[in-house]
């Protein structure tokens, strides 16, 4: 497996007959929280078409406050 933490482990493949597939909900509940969050973030990147250069950043806002 690659050292890239954003890559999913695809080394195990299982084939199921139609109607006997395990529940998607049960699968994701069995995954560690970190893996679920990484996958959600990966889906967001794919959906928006972001790359490292095009990913939106937080905007910096400065406010000048006068102290009395």
PDB file of N, CA and C in Angstrom:
ATOM      1  N   UNK A   1       0.841  -1.188   0.000  1.00  0.00           N
ATOM      2  CA  UNK A   1       0.000   0.000   0.000  1.00  0.00           C
ATOM      3  C   UNK A   1       0.871   1.231   0.000  1.00  0.00           C
ATOM      4  N   UNK A   2       0.416   2.294  -0.623  1.00  0.00           N
ATOM      5  CA  UNK A   2       1.148   3.547  -0.736  1.00  0.00           C
ATOM      6  C   UNK A   2       1.214   4.265   0.599  1.00  0.00           C
ATOM      7  N   UNK A   3       2.184   5.145   0.736  1.00  0.00           N
ATOM      8  CA  UNK A   3       2.308   5.947   1.952  1.00  0.00           C
ATOM      9  C   UNK A   3       1.334   7.106   1.969  1.00  0.00           C
ATOM     10  N   UNK A   4       0.609   7.320   0.887  1.00  0.00           N
ATOM     11  CA  UNK A   4      -0.350   8.427   0.787  1.00  0.00           C
ATOM     12  C   UNK A   4      -1.574   8.120   1.639  1.00  0.00           C
ATOM     13  N   UNK A   5      -1.853   8.935   2.689  1.00  0.00           N
ATOM     14  CA  UNK A   5      -2.995   8.641   3.562  1.00  0.00           C
ATOM     15  C   UNK A   5      -4.347   8.818   2.885  1.00  0.00           C
ATOM     16  N   UNK A   6      -4.398   9.512   1.724  1.00  0.00           N
ATOM     17  CA  UNK A   6      -5.664   9.744   1.031  1.00  0.00           C
ATOM     18  C   UNK A   6      -6.055   8.574   0.127  1.00  0.00           C
ATOM     19  N   UNK A   7      -5.161   7.617  -0.066  1.00  0.00           N
ATOM     20  CA  UNK A   7      -5.446   6.477  -0.928  1.00  0.00           C
ATOM     21  C   UNK A   7      -6.165   5.389  -0.140  1.00  0.00           C
ATOM     22  N   UNK A   8      -7.168   4.815  -0.761  1.00  0.00           N
ATOM     23  CA  UNK A   8      -7.926   3.742  -0.106  1.00  0.00           C
ATOM     24  C   UNK A   8      -7.231   2.410  -0.353  1.00  0.00           C
ATOM     25  N   UNK A   9      -7.344   1.512   0.608  1.00  0.00           N
ATOM     26  CA  UNK A   9      -6.792   0.167   0.480  1.00  0.00           C
ATOM     27  C   UNK A   9      -7.748  -0.664  -0.360  1.00  0.00           C
ATOM     28  N   UNK A  10      -7.297  -1.076  -1.521  1.00  0.00           N
ATOM     29  CA  UNK A  10      -8.145  -1.859  -2.424  1.00  0.00           C
ATOM     30  C   UNK A  10      -7.556  -3.252  -2.640  1.00  0.00           C
ATOM     31  N   UNK A  11      -6.913  -3.805  -1.621  1.00  0.00           N
ATOM     32  CA  UNK A  11      -6.261  -5.096  -1.778  1.00  0.00           C
ATOM     33  C   UNK A  11      -7.220  -6.268  -1.604  1.00  0.00           C
ATOM     34  N   UNK A  12      -8.361  -6.058  -0.977  1.00  0.00           N
ATOM     35  CA  UNK A  12      -9.317  -7.139  -0.749  1.00  0.00           C
ATOM     36  C   UNK A  12     -10.546  -6.927  -1.613  1.00  0.00           C
ATOM     37  N   UNK A  13     -10.920  -7.956  -2.348  1.00  0.00           N
ATOM     38  CA  UNK A  13     -12.109  -7.893  -3.198  1.00  0.00           C
ATOM     39  C   UNK A  13     -12.983  -9.085  -2.852  1.00  0.00           C
ATOM     40  N   UNK A  14     -14.268  -8.845  -2.669  1.00  0.00           N
ATOM     41  CA  UNK A  14     -15.221  -9.930  -2.411  1.00  0.00           C
ATOM     42  C   UNK A  14     -16.350  -9.823  -3.428  1.00  0.00           C
ATOM     43  N   UNK A  15     -16.808 -10.964  -3.887  1.00  0.00           N
ATOM     44  CA  UNK A  15     -17.891 -11.014  -4.858  1.00  0.00           C
ATOM     45  C   UNK A  15     -19.113 -11.602  -4.160  1.00  0.00           C
ATOM     46  N   UNK A  16     -20.246 -10.910  -4.271  1.00  0.00           N
ATOM     47  CA  UNK A  16     -21.499 -11.367  -3.659  1.00  0.00           C
ATOM     48  C   UNK A  16     -22.538 -11.555  -4.750  1.00  0.00           C
ATOM     49  N   UNK A  17     -23.470 -12.478  -4.518  1.00  0.00           N
ATOM     50  CA  UNK A  17     -24.587 -12.613  -5.441  1.00  0.00           C
ATOM     51  C   UNK A  17     -25.602 -11.524  -5.133  1.00  0.00           C
ATOM     52  N   UNK A  18     -26.380 -11.196  -6.126  1.00  0.00           N
ATOM     53  CA  UNK A  18     -27.363 -10.129  -5.976  1.00  0.00           C
ATOM     54  C   UNK A  18     -28.346 -10.463  -4.859  1.00  0.00           C
ATOM     55  N   UNK A  19     -28.571  -9.502  -3.987  1.00  0.00           N
ATOM     56  CA  UNK A  19     -29.482  -9.682  -2.875  1.00  0.00           C
ATOM     57  C   UNK A  19     -28.809 -10.169  -1.602  1.00  0.00           C
ATOM     58  N   UNK A  20     -27.565 -10.633  -1.703  1.00  0.00           N
ATOM     59  CA  UNK A  20     -26.844 -11.113  -0.528  1.00  0.00           C
ATOM     60  C   UNK A  20     -25.713 -10.171  -0.122  1.00  0.00           C
ATOM     61  N   UNK A  21     -25.700  -8.974  -0.720  1.00  0.00           N
ATOM     62  CA  UNK A  21     -24.648  -8.018  -0.396  1.00  0.00           C
ATOM     63  C   UNK A  21     -24.795  -7.540   1.044  1.00  0.00           C
ATOM     64  N   UNK A  22     -23.681  -7.303   1.732  1.00  0.00           N
ATOM     65  CA  UNK A  22     -23.777  -6.771   3.086  1.00  0.00           C
ATOM     66  C   UNK A  22     -24.280  -5.326   3.055  1.00  0.00           C
ATOM     67  N   UNK A  23     -24.810  -4.885   4.147  1.00  0.00           N
ATOM     68  CA  UNK A  23     -25.368  -3.544   4.255  1.00  0.00           C
ATOM     69  C   UNK A  23     -24.255  -2.494   4.199  1.00  0.00           C
ATOM     70  N   UNK A  24     -24.439  -1.457   3.377  1.00  0.00           N
ATOM     71  CA  UNK A  24     -23.486  -0.361   3.320  1.00  0.00           C
ATOM     72  C   UNK A  24     -23.371   0.330   4.671  1.00  0.00           C
ATOM     73  N   UNK A  25     -24.495   0.480   5.347  1.00  0.00           N
ATOM     74  CA  UNK A  25     -24.500   1.158   6.645  1.00  0.00           C
ATOM     75  C   UNK A  25     -23.659   0.375   7.650  1.00  0.00           C
ATOM     76  N   UNK A  26     -23.830  -0.920   7.677  1.00  0.00           N
ATOM     77  CA  UNK A  26     -23.059  -1.740   8.613  1.00  0.00           C
ATOM     78  C   UNK A  26     -21.571  -1.681   8.291  1.00  0.00           C
ATOM     79  N   UNK A  27     -21.239  -1.654   6.996  1.00  0.00           N
ATOM     80  CA  UNK A  27     -19.831  -1.556   6.618  1.00  0.00           C
ATOM     81  C   UNK A  27     -19.223  -0.269   7.159  1.00  0.00           C
ATOM     82  N   UNK A  28     -19.882   0.859   6.909  1.00  0.00           N
ATOM     83  CA  UNK A  28     -19.308   2.142   7.334  1.00  0.00           C
ATOM     84  C   UNK A  28     -19.289   2.285   8.845  1.00  0.00           C
ATOM     85  N   UNK A  29     -20.247   1.682   9.531  1.00  0.00           N
ATOM     86  CA  UNK A  29     -20.219   1.710  10.998  1.00  0.00           C
ATOM     87  C   UNK A  29     -19.051   0.894  11.544  1.00  0.00           C
ATOM     88  N   UNK A  30     -18.607  -0.089  10.787  1.00  0.00           N
ATOM     89  CA  UNK A  30     -17.488  -0.921  11.244  1.00  0.00           C
ATOM     90  C   UNK A  30     -16.135  -0.255  10.990  1.00  0.00           C
ATOM     91  N   UNK A  31     -16.109   0.791  10.181  1.00  0.00           N
ATOM     92  CA  UNK A  31     -14.856   1.465   9.863  1.00  0.00           C
ATOM     93  C   UNK A  31     -14.488   2.474  10.957  1.00  0.00           C
ATOM     94  N   UNK A  32     -13.184   2.662  11.207  1.00  0.00           N
ATOM     95  CA  UNK A  32     -12.773   3.663  12.196  1.00  0.00           C
ATOM     96  C   UNK A  32     -13.184   5.065  11.752  1.00  0.00           C
ATOM     97  N   UNK A  33     -13.397   5.934  12.720  1.00  0.00           N
ATOM     98  CA  UNK A  33     -13.847   7.296  12.433  1.00  0.00           C
ATOM     99  C   UNK A  33     -12.914   8.008  11.462  1.00  0.00           C
ATOM    100  N   UNK A  34     -11.624   7.876  11.645  1.00  0.00           N
ATOM    101  CA  UNK A  34     -10.661   8.543  10.765  1.00  0.00           C
ATOM    102  C   UNK A  34     -10.815   8.115   9.316  1.00  0.00           C
ATOM    103  N   UNK A  35     -11.038   6.824   9.098  1.00  0.00           N
ATOM    104  CA  UNK A  35     -11.218   6.309   7.736  1.00  0.00           C
ATOM    105  C   UNK A  35     -12.496   6.861   7.115  1.00  0.00           C
ATOM    106  N   UNK A  36     -13.561   6.936   7.909  1.00  0.00           N
ATOM    107  CA  UNK A  36     -14.823   7.486   7.389  1.00  0.00           C
ATOM    108  C   UNK A  36     -14.653   8.943   7.004  1.00  0.00           C
ATOM    109  N   UNK A  37     -13.976   9.725   7.845  1.00  0.00           N
ATOM    110  CA  UNK A  37     -13.767  11.145   7.541  1.00  0.00           C
ATOM    111  C   UNK A  37     -12.878  11.331   6.316  1.00  0.00           C
ATOM    112  N   UNK A  38     -11.806  10.517   6.190  1.00  0.00           N
ATOM    113  CA  UNK A  38     -10.941  10.607   5.008  1.00  0.00           C
ATOM    114  C   UNK A  38     -11.732  10.315   3.742  1.00  0.00           C
ATOM    115  N   UNK A  39     -12.613   9.328   3.804  1.00  0.00           N
ATOM    116  CA  UNK A  39     -13.406   8.963   2.631  1.00  0.00           C
ATOM    117  C   UNK A  39     -14.384  10.070   2.263  1.00  0.00           C
ATOM    118  N   UNK A  40     -15.023  10.672   3.265  1.00  0.00           N
ATOM    119  CA  UNK A  40     -15.938  11.782   2.993  1.00  0.00           C
ATOM    120  C   UNK A  40     -15.183  12.938   2.339  1.00  0.00           C
ATOM    121  N   UNK A  41     -14.009  13.241   2.851  1.00  0.00           N
ATOM    122  CA  UNK A  41     -13.201  14.326   2.285  1.00  0.00           C
ATOM    123  C   UNK A  41     -12.793  14.004   0.850  1.00  0.00           C
ATOM    124  N   UNK A  42     -12.444  12.754   0.584  1.00  0.00           N
ATOM    125  CA  UNK A  42     -12.080  12.341  -0.774  1.00  0.00           C
ATOM    126  C   UNK A  42     -13.272  12.497  -1.719  1.00  0.00           C
ATOM    127  N   UNK A  43     -14.457  12.113  -1.270  1.00  0.00           N
ATOM    128  CA  UNK A  43     -15.668  12.260  -2.092  1.00  0.00           C
ATOM    129  C   UNK A  43     -15.936  13.737  -2.377  1.00  0.00           C
ATOM    130  N   UNK A  44     -15.766  14.600  -1.378  1.00  0.00           N
ATOM    131  CA  UNK A  44     -15.961  16.044  -1.580  1.00  0.00           C
ATOM    132  C   UNK A  44     -15.003  16.582  -2.641  1.00  0.00           C
ATOM    133  N   UNK A  45     -13.742  16.160  -2.581  1.00  0.00           N
ATOM    134  CA  UNK A  45     -12.752  16.614  -3.567  1.00  0.00           C
ATOM    135  C   UNK A  45     -13.151  16.164  -4.965  1.00  0.00           C
ATOM    136  N   UNK A  46     -13.555  14.902  -5.098  1.00  0.00           N
ATOM    137  CA  UNK A  46     -13.956  14.385  -6.403  1.00  0.00           C
ATOM    138  C   UNK A  46     -15.205  15.093  -6.921  1.00  0.00           C
ATOM    139  N   UNK A  47     -16.170  15.331  -6.067  1.00  0.00           N
ATOM    140  CA  UNK A  47     -17.423  15.977  -6.463  1.00  0.00           C
ATOM    141  C   UNK A  47     -17.182  17.397  -6.981  1.00  0.00           C
ATOM    142  N   UNK A  48     -16.349  18.149  -6.274  1.00  0.00           N
ATOM    143  CA  UNK A  48     -16.089  19.539  -6.658  1.00  0.00           C
ATOM    144  C   UNK A  48     -14.978  19.670  -7.688  1.00  0.00           C
ATOM    145  N   UNK A  49     -14.277  18.586  -7.976  1.00  0.00           N
ATOM    146  CA  UNK A  49     -13.186  18.641  -8.942  1.00  0.00           C
ATOM    147  C   UNK A  49     -11.979  19.396  -8.424  1.00  0.00           C
ATOM    148  N   UNK A  50     -11.777  19.389  -7.108  1.00  0.00           N
ATOM    149  CA  UNK A  50     -10.661  20.122  -6.522  1.00  0.00           C
ATOM    150  C   UNK A  50      -9.356  19.372  -6.710  1.00  0.00           C
ATOM    151  N   UNK A  51      -8.306  20.164  -6.891  1.00  0.00           N
ATOM    152  CA  UNK A  51      -6.942  19.656  -6.800  1.00  0.00           C
ATOM    153  C   UNK A  51      -6.296  20.410  -5.652  1.00  0.00           C
ATOM    154  N   UNK A  52      -5.052  20.104  -5.345  1.00  0.00           N
ATOM    155  CA  UNK A  52      -4.389  20.807  -4.249  1.00  0.00           C
ATOM    156  C   UNK A  52      -4.317  22.306  -4.524  1.00  0.00           C
ATOM    157  N   UNK A  53      -4.189  22.682  -5.793  1.00  0.00           N
ATOM    158  CA  UNK A  53      -4.075  24.091  -6.147  1.00  0.00           C
ATOM    159  C   UNK A  53      -5.428  24.810  -6.181  1.00  0.00           C
ATOM    160  N   UNK A  54      -6.498  24.079  -6.513  1.00  0.00           N
ATOM    161  CA  UNK A  54      -7.799  24.729  -6.696  1.00  0.00           C
ATOM    162  C   UNK A  54      -8.717  24.629  -5.484  1.00  0.00           C
ATOM    163  N   UNK A  55      -8.285  23.935  -4.443  1.00  0.00           N
ATOM    164  CA  UNK A  55      -9.128  23.788  -3.261  1.00  0.00           C
ATOM    165  C   UNK A  55      -9.332  25.135  -2.591  1.00  0.00           C
ATOM    166  N   UNK A  56     -10.576  25.464  -2.251  1.00  0.00           N
ATOM    167  CA  UNK A  56     -10.817  26.762  -1.619  1.00  0.00           C
ATOM    168  C   UNK A  56     -10.148  26.841  -0.256  1.00  0.00           C
ATOM    169  N   UNK A  57      -9.730  28.031   0.076  1.00  0.00           N
ATOM    170  CA  UNK A  57      -9.064  28.274   1.343  1.00  0.00           C
ATOM    171  C   UNK A  57      -9.928  29.186   2.196  1.00  0.00           C
ATOM    172  N   UNK A  58      -9.605  29.226   3.479  1.00  0.00           N
ATOM    173  CA  UNK A  58     -10.299  30.155   4.362  1.00  0.00           C
ATOM    174  C   UNK A  58      -9.834  31.576   4.036  1.00  0.00           C
ATOM    175  N   UNK A  59     -10.764  32.480   4.041  1.00  0.00           N
ATOM    176  CA  UNK A  59     -10.446  33.862   3.741  1.00  0.00           C
ATOM    177  C   UNK A  59      -9.957  34.548   5.015  1.00  0.00           C
ATOM    178  N   UNK A  60      -8.912  35.346   4.880  1.00  0.00           N
ATOM    179  CA  UNK A  60      -8.410  36.097   6.026  1.00  0.00           C
ATOM    180  C   UNK A  60      -9.168  37.413   6.119  1.00  0.00           C
ATOM    181  N   UNK A  61      -9.644  37.698   7.296  1.00  0.00           N
ATOM    182  CA  UNK A  61     -10.378  38.937   7.513  1.00  0.00           C
ATOM    183  C   UNK A  61      -9.710  39.664   8.662  1.00  0.00           C
ATOM    184  N   UNK A  62      -9.403  40.925   8.414  1.00  0.00           N
ATOM    185  CA  UNK A  62      -8.797  41.751   9.448  1.00  0.00           C
ATOM    186  C   UNK A  62      -9.800  42.827   9.838  1.00  0.00           C
ATOM    187  N   UNK A  63      -9.826  43.122  11.122  1.00  0.00           N
ATOM    188  CA  UNK A  63     -10.720  44.166  11.610  1.00  0.00           C
ATOM    189  C   UNK A  63      -9.899  45.037  12.544  1.00  0.00           C
ATOM    190  N   UNK A  64      -9.965  46.332  12.309  1.00  0.00           N
ATOM    191  CA  UNK A  64      -9.275  47.282  13.170  1.00  0.00           C
ATOM    192  C   UNK A  64     -10.263  47.763  14.220  1.00  0.00           C
ATOM    193  N   UNK A  65      -9.920  47.559  15.478  1.00  0.00           N
ATOM    194  CA  UNK A  65     -10.797  47.924  16.568  1.00  0.00           C
ATOM    195  C   UNK A  65     -10.098  48.995  17.389  1.00  0.00           C
ATOM    196  N   UNK A  66     -10.800  50.060  17.638  1.00  0.00           N
ATOM    197  CA  UNK A  66     -10.219  51.145  18.433  1.00  0.00           C
ATOM    198  C   UNK A  66     -10.522  50.883  19.901  1.00  0.00           C
ATOM    199  N   UNK A  67      -9.475  50.869  20.714  1.00  0.00           N
ATOM    200  CA  UNK A  67      -9.638  50.657  22.154  1.00  0.00           C
ATOM    201  C   UNK A  67      -9.826  52.013  22.844  1.00  0.00           C
ATOM    202  N   UNK A  68     -10.695  52.035  23.829  1.00  0.00           N
ATOM    203  CA  UNK A  68     -10.900  53.290  24.551  1.00  0.00           C
ATOM    204  C   UNK A  68     -10.337  53.209  25.941  1.00  0.00           C
TER     205      UNK A  68
END
